[in-house]
Amino acid sequence: MSNLTPGPDHAAEYPDAAAGTKFAPTKAIVGAIASGVIAGLGALATGLADGVMTPLEWVLVASATIVGTGITGFGVYQTTNKVVETTSNGGTA
């Protein structure tokens, strides 16, 4: 994933960001990894219910991990952050 640079699309979201400021997608990466692990472990637990893992069940575990990672990573990466305005004394407006 590439870093975001404030431009016409991001200027309203980050009014205090200087031109050329880089934004790391850390939240999206952590969310994607966590959801992929949870989806994969859930599918693995279901596959191991009978004590044997067939090749099809391994494919389903891999699919669940990939889909869980991709959907969450994309969704969190695309979601914008709400700008919180502060007052002159440091509190929120």
N, C-alpha and C. Protein backbone atom coordinates (compact mmCIF):
# COMPACT_ATOMS: atom_id res chain seq x y z
N MET A 1 0.84 -1.18 0.00
CA MET A 1 0.00 0.00 0.00
C MET A 1 0.89 1.24 0.00
N SER A 2 0.51 2.20 -0.76
CA SER A 2 1.30 3.42 -0.81
C SER A 2 0.81 4.42 0.23
N ASN A 3 1.67 5.33 0.58
CA ASN A 3 1.29 6.37 1.54
C ASN A 3 0.44 7.42 0.85
N LEU A 4 -0.42 8.04 1.64
CA LEU A 4 -1.28 9.10 1.10
C LEU A 4 -0.57 10.43 1.22
N THR A 5 -0.70 11.25 0.22
CA THR A 5 -0.18 12.59 0.26
C THR A 5 -1.36 13.54 0.16
N PRO A 6 -1.49 14.51 1.08
CA PRO A 6 -2.63 15.41 0.99
C PRO A 6 -2.62 16.16 -0.33
N GLY A 7 -3.69 16.12 -0.98
CA GLY A 7 -3.87 16.84 -2.22
C GLY A 7 -5.27 17.41 -2.21
N PRO A 8 -5.87 17.62 -3.35
CA PRO A 8 -7.22 18.15 -3.38
C PRO A 8 -8.21 17.26 -2.63
N ASP A 9 -7.99 15.92 -2.66
CA ASP A 9 -8.93 15.02 -1.99
C ASP A 9 -8.80 15.05 -0.48
N HIS A 10 -7.58 15.23 0.02
CA HIS A 10 -7.33 15.12 1.45
C HIS A 10 -7.15 16.47 2.15
N ALA A 11 -7.20 17.54 1.42
CA ALA A 11 -6.97 18.85 2.03
C ALA A 11 -8.04 19.18 3.07
N ALA A 12 -9.29 18.82 2.83
CA ALA A 12 -10.35 19.11 3.78
C ALA A 12 -10.25 18.23 5.03
N GLU A 13 -9.74 17.00 4.87
CA GLU A 13 -9.64 16.09 6.00
C GLU A 13 -8.50 16.47 6.94
N TYR A 14 -7.41 16.97 6.39
CA TYR A 14 -6.22 17.29 7.16
C TYR A 14 -5.80 18.74 6.90
N PRO A 15 -6.56 19.70 7.44
CA PRO A 15 -6.28 21.10 7.12
C PRO A 15 -4.92 21.59 7.61
N ASP A 16 -4.37 20.97 8.65
CA ASP A 16 -3.10 21.42 9.20
C ASP A 16 -1.90 20.71 8.57
N ALA A 17 -2.14 19.76 7.69
CA ALA A 17 -1.03 19.00 7.10
C ALA A 17 -0.35 19.83 6.02
N ALA A 18 0.96 19.88 6.10
CA ALA A 18 1.73 20.59 5.09
C ALA A 18 1.75 19.78 3.81
N ALA A 19 1.93 20.44 2.70
CA ALA A 19 2.02 19.74 1.43
C ALA A 19 3.19 18.76 1.49
N GLY A 20 2.97 17.57 1.02
CA GLY A 20 4.02 16.56 1.03
C GLY A 20 4.04 15.70 2.28
N THR A 21 3.14 15.94 3.24
CA THR A 21 3.09 15.13 4.45
C THR A 21 2.64 13.72 4.09
N LYS A 22 3.34 12.73 4.59
CA LYS A 22 3.00 11.34 4.32
C LYS A 22 2.15 10.78 5.45
N PHE A 23 1.14 9.99 5.09
CA PHE A 23 0.28 9.34 6.07
C PHE A 23 0.46 7.84 5.93
N ALA A 24 0.88 7.18 7.00
CA ALA A 24 1.10 5.74 6.96
C ALA A 24 -0.21 5.00 7.18
N PRO A 25 -0.43 3.92 6.46
CA PRO A 25 -1.67 3.14 6.60
C PRO A 25 -1.58 2.11 7.73
N THR A 26 -1.00 2.49 8.86
CA THR A 26 -0.77 1.56 9.96
C THR A 26 -2.06 0.94 10.47
N LYS A 27 -3.10 1.75 10.64
CA LYS A 27 -4.37 1.24 11.15
C LYS A 27 -4.93 0.18 10.23
N ALA A 28 -4.85 0.37 8.93
CA ALA A 28 -5.36 -0.60 7.96
C ALA A 28 -4.55 -1.88 7.99
N ILE A 29 -3.25 -1.77 8.13
CA ILE A 29 -2.39 -2.96 8.14
C ILE A 29 -2.67 -3.81 9.37
N VAL A 30 -2.74 -3.17 10.54
CA VAL A 30 -2.99 -3.90 11.79
C VAL A 30 -4.38 -4.55 11.75
N GLY A 31 -5.37 -3.82 11.28
CA GLY A 31 -6.72 -4.37 11.19
C GLY A 31 -6.80 -5.53 10.22
N ALA A 32 -6.11 -5.42 9.10
CA ALA A 32 -6.11 -6.49 8.11
C ALA A 32 -5.45 -7.75 8.65
N ILE A 33 -4.32 -7.60 9.32
CA ILE A 33 -3.64 -8.77 9.88
C ILE A 33 -4.51 -9.43 10.95
N ALA A 34 -5.07 -8.64 11.84
CA ALA A 34 -5.90 -9.19 12.91
C ALA A 34 -7.11 -9.92 12.36
N SER A 35 -7.80 -9.33 11.40
CA SER A 35 -8.99 -9.98 10.85
C SER A 35 -8.64 -11.22 10.04
N GLY A 36 -7.50 -11.19 9.35
CA GLY A 36 -7.06 -12.38 8.62
C GLY A 36 -6.76 -13.54 9.55
N VAL A 37 -6.09 -13.25 10.66
CA VAL A 37 -5.78 -14.30 11.64
C VAL A 37 -7.06 -14.86 12.24
N ILE A 38 -7.99 -13.99 12.61
CA ILE A 38 -9.24 -14.44 13.21
C ILE A 38 -10.06 -15.28 12.22
N ALA A 39 -10.15 -14.82 10.97
CA ALA A 39 -10.89 -15.57 9.97
C ALA A 39 -10.24 -16.92 9.69
N GLY A 40 -8.92 -16.94 9.58
CA GLY A 40 -8.21 -18.19 9.33
C GLY A 40 -8.34 -19.18 10.47
N LEU A 41 -8.21 -18.67 11.71
CA LEU A 41 -8.35 -19.56 12.86
C LEU A 41 -9.78 -20.08 13.01
N GLY A 42 -10.75 -19.25 12.69
CA GLY A 42 -12.13 -19.70 12.73
C GLY A 42 -12.41 -20.80 11.72
N ALA A 43 -11.89 -20.63 10.52
CA ALA A 43 -12.06 -21.67 9.50
C ALA A 43 -11.29 -22.93 9.88
N LEU A 44 -10.11 -22.75 10.46
CA LEU A 44 -9.31 -23.91 10.88
C LEU A 44 -10.03 -24.69 11.98
N ALA A 45 -10.60 -23.99 12.94
CA ALA A 45 -11.34 -24.66 14.02
C ALA A 45 -12.52 -25.43 13.46
N THR A 46 -13.21 -24.87 12.49
CA THR A 46 -14.33 -25.56 11.86
C THR A 46 -13.85 -26.80 11.12
N GLY A 47 -12.74 -26.68 10.40
CA GLY A 47 -12.20 -27.82 9.67
C GLY A 47 -11.71 -28.93 10.57
N LEU A 48 -11.20 -28.58 11.74
CA LEU A 48 -10.68 -29.58 12.67
C LEU A 48 -11.76 -30.19 13.56
N ALA A 49 -13.01 -29.81 13.37
CA ALA A 49 -14.09 -30.33 14.22
C ALA A 49 -14.17 -31.85 14.16
N ASP A 50 -13.88 -32.43 13.00
CA ASP A 50 -13.93 -33.89 12.89
C ASP A 50 -12.55 -34.52 13.08
N GLY A 51 -11.53 -33.74 13.36
CA GLY A 51 -10.20 -34.25 13.64
C GLY A 51 -9.32 -34.47 12.41
N VAL A 52 -9.84 -34.21 11.22
CA VAL A 52 -9.08 -34.44 9.98
C VAL A 52 -9.25 -33.22 9.08
N MET A 53 -8.14 -32.79 8.48
CA MET A 53 -8.20 -31.67 7.52
C MET A 53 -8.04 -32.22 6.10
N THR A 54 -9.04 -32.03 5.28
CA THR A 54 -8.96 -32.44 3.88
C THR A 54 -8.35 -31.30 3.07
N PRO A 55 -7.89 -31.57 1.86
CA PRO A 55 -7.35 -30.49 1.02
C PRO A 55 -8.36 -29.37 0.78
N LEU A 56 -9.62 -29.72 0.63
CA LEU A 56 -10.65 -28.69 0.43
C LEU A 56 -10.76 -27.79 1.66
N GLU A 57 -10.66 -28.37 2.84
CA GLU A 57 -10.74 -27.56 4.05
C GLU A 57 -9.54 -26.62 4.16
N TRP A 58 -8.37 -27.05 3.72
CA TRP A 58 -7.20 -26.16 3.71
C TRP A 58 -7.40 -25.00 2.73
N VAL A 59 -8.02 -25.30 1.60
CA VAL A 59 -8.32 -24.24 0.64
C VAL A 59 -9.29 -23.23 1.25
N LEU A 60 -10.28 -23.72 1.99
CA LEU A 60 -11.24 -22.82 2.63
C LEU A 60 -10.58 -21.98 3.72
N VAL A 61 -9.64 -22.56 4.46
CA VAL A 61 -8.90 -21.78 5.47
C VAL A 61 -8.11 -20.67 4.79
N ALA A 62 -7.42 -21.01 3.71
CA ALA A 62 -6.65 -19.99 2.98
C ALA A 62 -7.56 -18.92 2.40
N SER A 63 -8.69 -19.33 1.85
CA SER A 63 -9.65 -18.36 1.28
C SER A 63 -10.19 -17.43 2.35
N ALA A 64 -10.55 -17.98 3.50
CA ALA A 64 -11.09 -17.15 4.59
C ALA A 64 -10.04 -16.15 5.06
N THR A 65 -8.80 -16.59 5.15
CA THR A 65 -7.72 -15.69 5.58
C THR A 65 -7.51 -14.57 4.58
N ILE A 66 -7.47 -14.90 3.31
CA ILE A 66 -7.24 -13.89 2.27
C ILE A 66 -8.40 -12.91 2.18
N VAL A 67 -9.62 -13.44 2.18
CA VAL A 67 -10.79 -12.57 2.07
C VAL A 67 -10.93 -11.69 3.31
N GLY A 68 -10.74 -12.27 4.50
CA GLY A 68 -10.82 -11.48 5.73
C GLY A 68 -9.79 -10.37 5.77
N THR A 69 -8.59 -10.68 5.33
CA THR A 69 -7.53 -9.67 5.30
C THR A 69 -7.82 -8.59 4.28
N GLY A 70 -8.20 -8.99 3.09
CA GLY A 70 -8.42 -8.02 2.01
C GLY A 70 -9.58 -7.09 2.25
N ILE A 71 -10.71 -7.62 2.68
CA ILE A 71 -11.90 -6.78 2.89
C ILE A 71 -11.66 -5.80 4.03
N THR A 72 -11.13 -6.27 5.14
CA THR A 72 -10.89 -5.37 6.26
C THR A 72 -9.81 -4.35 5.94
N GLY A 73 -8.72 -4.81 5.35
CA GLY A 73 -7.64 -3.88 5.00
C GLY A 73 -8.11 -2.79 4.05
N PHE A 74 -8.85 -3.17 3.04
CA PHE A 74 -9.36 -2.18 2.08
C PHE A 74 -10.36 -1.24 2.74
N GLY A 75 -11.27 -1.80 3.54
CA GLY A 75 -12.29 -0.97 4.18
C GLY A 75 -11.71 0.04 5.15
N VAL A 76 -10.76 -0.39 5.95
CA VAL A 76 -10.15 0.52 6.92
C VAL A 76 -9.26 1.54 6.21
N TYR A 77 -8.55 1.11 5.17
CA TYR A 77 -7.67 2.02 4.44
C TYR A 77 -8.46 3.12 3.74
N GLN A 78 -9.65 2.79 3.23
CA GLN A 78 -10.44 3.76 2.49
C GLN A 78 -11.27 4.67 3.40
N THR A 79 -11.49 4.27 4.65
CA THR A 79 -12.29 5.07 5.57
C THR A 79 -11.50 6.29 6.01
N THR A 80 -12.13 7.43 5.91
CA THR A 80 -11.44 8.67 6.31
C THR A 80 -11.57 8.90 7.81
N ASN A 81 -10.65 9.63 8.36
CA ASN A 81 -10.69 10.00 9.77
C ASN A 81 -11.47 11.29 9.92
N LYS A 82 -12.25 11.37 10.98
CA LYS A 82 -13.00 12.58 11.26
C LYS A 82 -12.07 13.61 11.90
N VAL A 83 -12.10 14.83 11.40
CA VAL A 83 -11.27 15.89 11.96
C VAL A 83 -11.94 16.40 13.24
N VAL A 84 -11.18 16.44 14.33
CA VAL A 84 -11.69 16.93 15.60
C VAL A 84 -11.16 18.33 15.81
N GLU A 85 -12.07 19.28 15.95
CA GLU A 85 -11.65 20.67 16.16
C GLU A 85 -11.41 20.89 17.65
N THR A 86 -10.37 21.62 17.96
CA THR A 86 -10.08 21.93 19.36
C THR A 86 -10.32 23.40 19.61
N THR A 87 -10.62 23.71 20.88
CA THR A 87 -10.81 25.10 21.26
C THR A 87 -9.47 25.69 21.65
N SER A 88 -9.43 26.95 21.94
CA SER A 88 -8.18 27.63 22.27
C SER A 88 -7.59 27.10 23.59
N ASN A 89 -8.43 26.55 24.47
CA ASN A 89 -7.89 26.03 25.74
C ASN A 89 -7.53 24.55 25.65
N GLY A 90 -7.58 23.96 24.46
CA GLY A 90 -7.16 22.58 24.29
C GLY A 90 -8.28 21.56 24.32
N GLY A 91 -9.51 21.97 24.68
CA GLY A 91 -10.63 21.04 24.70
C GLY A 91 -11.23 20.87 23.32
N THR A 92 -12.12 19.92 23.20
CA THR A 92 -12.78 19.72 21.91
C THR A 92 -13.99 20.63 21.81
N ALA A 93 -14.28 21.02 20.59
CA ALA A 93 -15.39 21.94 20.37
C ALA A 93 -16.73 21.25 20.42
